[in-house]
N, C-alpha and C. Protein backbone atom coordinates (compact mmCIF):
# COMPACT_ATOMS: atom_id res chain seq x y z
N MET A 1 -34.74 -83.84 -33.00
CA MET A 1 -35.31 -85.10 -32.96
C MET A 1 -34.85 -85.55 -34.59
N PRO A 2 -34.57 -86.90 -34.90
CA PRO A 2 -34.19 -87.21 -36.21
C PRO A 2 -35.50 -87.48 -36.84
N TYR A 3 -35.07 -87.47 -38.13
CA TYR A 3 -36.41 -87.45 -39.09
C TYR A 3 -36.74 -89.15 -39.02
N LYS A 4 -37.66 -89.52 -39.21
CA LYS A 4 -38.11 -90.96 -39.53
C LYS A 4 -38.08 -91.39 -40.95
N ASN A 5 -38.38 -90.50 -41.60
CA ASN A 5 -38.26 -90.65 -43.31
C ASN A 5 -37.25 -89.77 -43.97
N PRO A 6 -35.98 -90.14 -44.31
CA PRO A 6 -35.12 -89.30 -44.92
C PRO A 6 -35.53 -88.61 -46.07
N GLU A 7 -36.76 -88.65 -46.69
CA GLU A 7 -37.20 -87.82 -47.73
C GLU A 7 -37.89 -86.61 -47.07
N ASP A 8 -38.01 -86.52 -45.74
CA ASP A 8 -38.64 -85.19 -45.09
C ASP A 8 -37.46 -84.36 -44.97
N ARG A 9 -36.29 -84.68 -45.19
CA ARG A 9 -35.06 -83.75 -45.11
C ARG A 9 -35.05 -83.24 -46.32
N LYS A 10 -35.45 -81.50 -46.10
CA LYS A 10 -35.70 -80.90 -47.58
C LYS A 10 -34.51 -80.01 -47.73
N TRP A 11 -33.43 -80.02 -46.88
CA TRP A 11 -32.22 -79.13 -46.84
C TRP A 11 -31.41 -79.36 -48.23
N THR A 12 -31.30 -80.70 -48.52
CA THR A 12 -30.66 -80.85 -49.83
C THR A 12 -31.20 -80.28 -51.08
N LYS A 13 -32.54 -80.39 -51.01
CA LYS A 13 -33.10 -79.63 -52.41
C LYS A 13 -33.03 -78.13 -52.22
N ASN A 14 -33.02 -77.65 -50.89
CA ASN A 14 -32.85 -75.98 -50.79
C ASN A 14 -31.43 -75.68 -51.06
N ALA A 15 -30.57 -76.52 -50.74
CA ALA A 15 -28.97 -76.25 -50.96
C ALA A 15 -28.88 -76.36 -52.41
N GLN A 16 -29.42 -77.28 -53.11
CA GLN A 16 -29.30 -77.38 -54.60
C GLN A 16 -29.72 -76.15 -55.32
N ALA A 17 -31.08 -75.91 -55.00
CA ALA A 17 -31.62 -74.54 -55.50
C ALA A 17 -30.59 -73.28 -55.16
N TYR A 18 -30.26 -73.33 -53.97
CA TYR A 18 -29.24 -71.88 -53.69
C TYR A 18 -28.27 -72.09 -54.44
N GLU A 19 -27.51 -72.95 -54.84
CA GLU A 19 -26.12 -73.19 -55.56
C GLU A 19 -26.44 -72.85 -57.10
N ALA A 20 -27.59 -73.19 -57.51
CA ALA A 20 -28.15 -72.86 -58.91
C ALA A 20 -28.70 -71.62 -59.09
N SER A 21 -28.70 -70.63 -58.02
CA SER A 21 -29.37 -69.29 -58.23
C SER A 21 -28.29 -68.52 -59.10
N PRO A 22 -28.63 -67.72 -59.77
CA PRO A 22 -27.86 -66.92 -60.80
C PRO A 22 -26.94 -66.18 -59.88
N ALA A 23 -27.26 -65.39 -58.68
CA ALA A 23 -26.27 -64.61 -57.97
C ALA A 23 -25.43 -65.52 -57.35
N VAL A 24 -25.65 -66.64 -57.21
CA VAL A 24 -24.49 -67.60 -56.43
C VAL A 24 -23.55 -67.99 -57.41
N LYS A 25 -24.09 -68.27 -58.73
CA LYS A 25 -23.22 -68.65 -59.67
C LYS A 25 -22.46 -67.53 -60.19
N ALA A 26 -22.86 -66.41 -60.12
CA ALA A 26 -22.00 -65.14 -60.55
C ALA A 26 -21.11 -64.98 -59.78
N LYS A 27 -21.17 -65.12 -58.60
CA LYS A 27 -20.00 -65.09 -57.21
C LYS A 27 -19.26 -66.15 -57.46
N ARG A 28 -19.51 -67.27 -57.76
CA ARG A 28 -18.60 -68.34 -58.18
C ARG A 28 -17.84 -68.41 -59.25
N ASN A 29 -18.41 -67.68 -60.17
CA ASN A 29 -17.56 -67.60 -61.39
C ASN A 29 -16.54 -66.37 -61.21
N ALA A 30 -16.93 -65.28 -60.49
CA ALA A 30 -15.87 -64.57 -60.13
C ALA A 30 -14.53 -64.68 -59.43
N ARG A 31 -15.12 -65.81 -58.28
CA ARG A 31 -13.89 -66.20 -57.73
C ARG A 31 -12.99 -67.20 -58.62
N LYS A 32 -13.61 -68.04 -59.49
CA LYS A 32 -12.88 -68.95 -60.39
C LYS A 32 -12.05 -67.94 -61.35
N ARG A 33 -12.65 -67.04 -61.76
CA ARG A 33 -11.75 -66.11 -62.78
C ARG A 33 -10.53 -65.63 -62.09
N ALA A 34 -10.58 -65.06 -60.83
CA ALA A 34 -9.47 -64.69 -59.95
C ALA A 34 -8.57 -65.66 -59.89
N ARG A 35 -8.77 -66.89 -59.39
CA ARG A 35 -7.97 -67.90 -59.42
C ARG A 35 -7.03 -68.36 -60.67
N TYR A 36 -8.09 -68.28 -61.79
CA TYR A 36 -7.53 -68.53 -63.10
C TYR A 36 -6.66 -67.59 -63.48
N ALA A 37 -6.67 -66.32 -63.19
CA ALA A 37 -5.68 -65.25 -63.53
C ALA A 37 -4.49 -65.34 -62.62
N LEU A 38 -4.33 -65.75 -61.44
CA LEU A 38 -3.19 -66.04 -60.81
C LEU A 38 -2.63 -67.25 -61.27
N GLU A 39 -3.39 -68.34 -61.76
CA GLU A 39 -2.76 -69.71 -62.43
C GLU A 39 -1.91 -69.09 -63.28
N MET A 40 -2.38 -68.69 -64.23
CA MET A 40 -1.98 -68.14 -65.52
C MET A 40 -0.65 -67.30 -65.34
N ASP A 41 -0.49 -66.55 -64.26
CA ASP A 41 0.71 -65.89 -63.78
C ASP A 41 1.61 -66.72 -63.11
N GLY A 42 1.31 -67.96 -62.69
CA GLY A 42 2.20 -68.98 -61.95
C GLY A 42 2.31 -68.85 -60.52
N GLU A 43 1.41 -67.99 -59.89
CA GLU A 43 1.49 -67.67 -58.75
C GLU A 43 0.97 -68.80 -57.69
N VAL A 44 -0.22 -69.44 -58.26
CA VAL A 44 -0.88 -70.38 -57.64
C VAL A 44 -0.85 -71.56 -58.76
N GLN A 45 -1.09 -72.92 -57.95
CA GLN A 45 -1.31 -73.97 -58.75
C GLN A 45 -2.57 -74.95 -58.10
N PRO A 46 -3.04 -75.73 -58.93
CA PRO A 46 -4.33 -76.66 -58.44
C PRO A 46 -3.63 -77.34 -57.05
N ASN A 47 -4.44 -77.30 -56.08
CA ASN A 47 -4.16 -77.98 -54.68
C ASN A 47 -3.08 -77.55 -54.08
N ASP A 48 -2.54 -76.40 -54.13
CA ASP A 48 -1.37 -76.23 -53.61
C ASP A 48 -1.49 -75.43 -52.25
N GLY A 49 -2.78 -75.43 -51.55
CA GLY A 49 -2.95 -74.88 -50.23
C GLY A 49 -2.93 -73.35 -50.32
N LEU A 50 -3.11 -72.75 -51.42
CA LEU A 50 -3.18 -70.98 -51.48
C LEU A 50 -4.48 -70.74 -51.75
N ASP A 51 -5.22 -69.69 -51.27
CA ASP A 51 -6.37 -68.99 -51.87
C ASP A 51 -5.92 -67.79 -52.35
N VAL A 52 -6.88 -67.35 -53.41
CA VAL A 52 -6.87 -66.00 -53.94
C VAL A 52 -7.53 -65.16 -53.16
N HIS A 53 -6.71 -64.23 -52.55
CA HIS A 53 -7.28 -63.04 -51.67
C HIS A 53 -7.42 -61.73 -52.53
N HIS A 54 -8.58 -61.26 -52.45
CA HIS A 54 -8.84 -59.58 -52.92
C HIS A 54 -8.70 -58.70 -51.97
N LYS A 55 -7.85 -57.74 -52.36
CA LYS A 55 -7.05 -56.79 -51.44
C LYS A 55 -8.24 -55.95 -51.13
N LYS A 56 -9.14 -55.56 -52.15
CA LYS A 56 -10.45 -55.00 -51.76
C LYS A 56 -11.47 -55.70 -52.23
N SER A 57 -12.35 -56.38 -51.30
CA SER A 57 -13.17 -57.44 -51.59
C SER A 57 -14.44 -57.19 -52.66
N LEU A 58 -14.62 -58.12 -53.36
CA LEU A 58 -15.66 -58.00 -54.38
C LEU A 58 -16.81 -57.35 -54.01
N SER A 59 -17.49 -57.54 -52.95
CA SER A 59 -18.70 -57.23 -52.08
C SER A 59 -18.34 -55.78 -51.97
N LYS A 60 -17.10 -55.14 -51.70
CA LYS A 60 -17.19 -53.77 -51.54
C LYS A 60 -16.63 -52.89 -52.92
N GLY A 61 -16.72 -53.55 -53.91
CA GLY A 61 -16.69 -52.76 -55.16
C GLY A 61 -14.86 -53.23 -55.80
N GLY A 62 -14.22 -54.03 -55.41
CA GLY A 62 -13.15 -54.56 -55.71
C GLY A 62 -13.33 -55.35 -57.01
N SER A 63 -12.19 -55.59 -57.71
CA SER A 63 -12.24 -55.98 -59.23
C SER A 63 -11.41 -57.43 -58.91
N ASN A 64 -11.32 -58.05 -60.21
CA ASN A 64 -10.50 -59.36 -60.32
C ASN A 64 -9.12 -58.83 -61.00
N GLY A 65 -9.09 -57.39 -61.07
CA GLY A 65 -7.58 -57.14 -61.65
C GLY A 65 -6.43 -57.69 -60.91
N LYS A 66 -5.33 -57.72 -61.69
CA LYS A 66 -4.34 -58.62 -60.88
C LYS A 66 -3.59 -57.40 -59.79
N LYS A 67 -3.57 -56.48 -59.77
CA LYS A 67 -3.44 -55.52 -58.69
C LYS A 67 -4.35 -55.56 -57.37
N ASN A 68 -5.29 -56.10 -57.65
CA ASN A 68 -6.30 -56.54 -56.38
C ASN A 68 -6.06 -57.94 -55.78
N LEU A 69 -5.38 -58.70 -56.58
CA LEU A 69 -5.36 -60.33 -56.08
C LEU A 69 -3.90 -60.57 -55.47
N LYS A 70 -4.07 -61.48 -54.55
CA LYS A 70 -2.55 -62.13 -54.32
C LYS A 70 -2.97 -63.40 -53.43
N ALA A 71 -1.85 -64.19 -53.64
CA ALA A 71 -2.07 -65.56 -53.06
C ALA A 71 -1.84 -65.81 -51.76
N VAL A 72 -2.50 -65.99 -50.73
CA VAL A 72 -2.26 -66.20 -49.35
C VAL A 72 -2.55 -67.84 -48.78
N PRO A 73 -1.90 -68.35 -47.82
CA PRO A 73 -2.28 -69.58 -47.20
C PRO A 73 -3.85 -69.62 -46.84
N ARG A 74 -4.28 -70.84 -47.08
CA ARG A 74 -5.95 -70.78 -46.76
C ARG A 74 -6.16 -70.11 -45.47
N GLY A 75 -5.48 -70.72 -44.37
CA GLY A 75 -5.71 -70.42 -42.98
C GLY A 75 -5.74 -68.94 -43.00
N THR A 76 -4.81 -68.34 -43.54
CA THR A 76 -4.71 -66.75 -43.23
C THR A 76 -6.04 -66.24 -43.88
N ASN A 77 -6.62 -66.48 -45.00
CA ASN A 77 -7.39 -65.74 -45.67
C ASN A 77 -8.78 -66.25 -45.36
N ARG A 78 -8.97 -67.67 -44.54
CA ARG A 78 -10.13 -67.80 -44.28
C ARG A 78 -10.28 -67.50 -42.51
N SER A 79 -9.56 -66.54 -41.89
CA SER A 79 -9.46 -66.37 -40.71
C SER A 79 -10.13 -64.85 -40.29
N PHE A 80 -10.79 -64.44 -41.05
CA PHE A 80 -10.95 -63.01 -40.71
C PHE A 80 -12.33 -63.12 -39.81
N ALA A 81 -12.50 -62.18 -38.96
CA ALA A 81 -13.62 -62.07 -38.32
C ALA A 81 -14.69 -61.22 -39.11
N ARG A 82 -16.12 -61.76 -39.02
CA ARG A 82 -17.07 -61.55 -39.70
C ARG A 82 -18.14 -60.73 -38.85
N LYS A 83 -18.82 -59.77 -39.44
CA LYS A 83 -19.98 -59.33 -39.03
C LYS A 83 -21.14 -60.09 -39.41
N SER A 84 -22.41 -59.56 -38.68
CA SER A 84 -23.56 -60.17 -38.97
C SER A 84 -24.08 -60.33 -40.28
N ASP A 85 -23.60 -59.24 -41.04
CA ASP A 85 -23.96 -59.13 -42.69
C ASP A 85 -22.84 -60.20 -43.37
N HIS A 86 -21.92 -60.75 -42.87
CA HIS A 86 -21.06 -61.43 -43.57
C HIS A 86 -19.73 -60.55 -44.13
N SER A 87 -19.91 -59.36 -43.89
CA SER A 87 -18.55 -58.48 -44.27
C SER A 87 -17.54 -58.60 -43.30
N MET A 88 -16.21 -58.15 -43.68
CA MET A 88 -15.03 -58.39 -42.44
C MET A 88 -15.20 -57.42 -41.86
N LYS A 89 -14.72 -57.60 -40.47
CA LYS A 89 -14.77 -56.48 -39.46
C LYS A 89 -13.24 -55.60 -39.74
N SER A 90 -12.23 -56.46 -40.21
CA SER A 90 -11.07 -55.75 -40.42
C SER A 90 -10.40 -56.40 -41.64
N GLU A 91 -9.88 -55.86 -42.37
CA GLU A 91 -8.91 -56.19 -43.52
C GLU A 91 -7.71 -57.16 -43.24
N VAL A 92 -7.30 -56.93 -41.95
CA VAL A 92 -6.24 -57.75 -41.55
C VAL A 92 -6.56 -58.86 -40.64
N SER A 93 -6.02 -60.18 -40.70
CA SER A 93 -6.53 -60.91 -39.98
C SER A 93 -5.63 -61.03 -38.33
N ALA A 94 -6.28 -61.57 -37.73
CA ALA A 94 -5.61 -61.55 -36.28
C ALA A 94 -4.26 -62.15 -36.35
N ARG A 95 -3.91 -63.01 -37.01
CA ARG A 95 -2.72 -63.57 -37.02
C ARG A 95 -1.76 -62.65 -37.70
N GLU A 96 -2.28 -61.68 -38.71
CA GLU A 96 -1.28 -60.87 -39.29
C GLU A 96 -1.12 -59.67 -38.37
N ARG A 97 -2.00 -59.25 -37.61
CA ARG A 97 -1.64 -58.20 -36.50
C ARG A 97 -0.91 -58.76 -35.57
N LYS A 98 -0.65 -59.91 -35.14
CA LYS A 98 0.19 -60.44 -34.18
C LYS A 98 1.86 -60.37 -34.53
N LYS A 99 1.91 -60.45 -36.06
CA LYS A 99 3.30 -60.60 -36.44
C LYS A 99 4.02 -59.13 -35.95
N PRO A 100 5.37 -59.34 -35.85
CA PRO A 100 6.04 -58.05 -35.73
C PRO A 100 6.61 -57.25 -36.79
């Protein structure tokens, strides 16, 4: 049922509070540092359609070291199946498994 009064919709305030939380800011800064590292190496450019992929994810103890980063197309990086706790089911996407 739609809200009669738009001010009754609290999700925007909740979203702003979530985005401003220290934990979310730290994760966002880690992702930005990883992209910046590959930009300095010339592997990615702004708006080039590539994502920075961590070979070992940050949540599993990976780092932003250059050996742990690689540039991949957005569709490949964002196509991983996820578990209920948002961790990846597999390190290899379905598209990559189908390749010969």
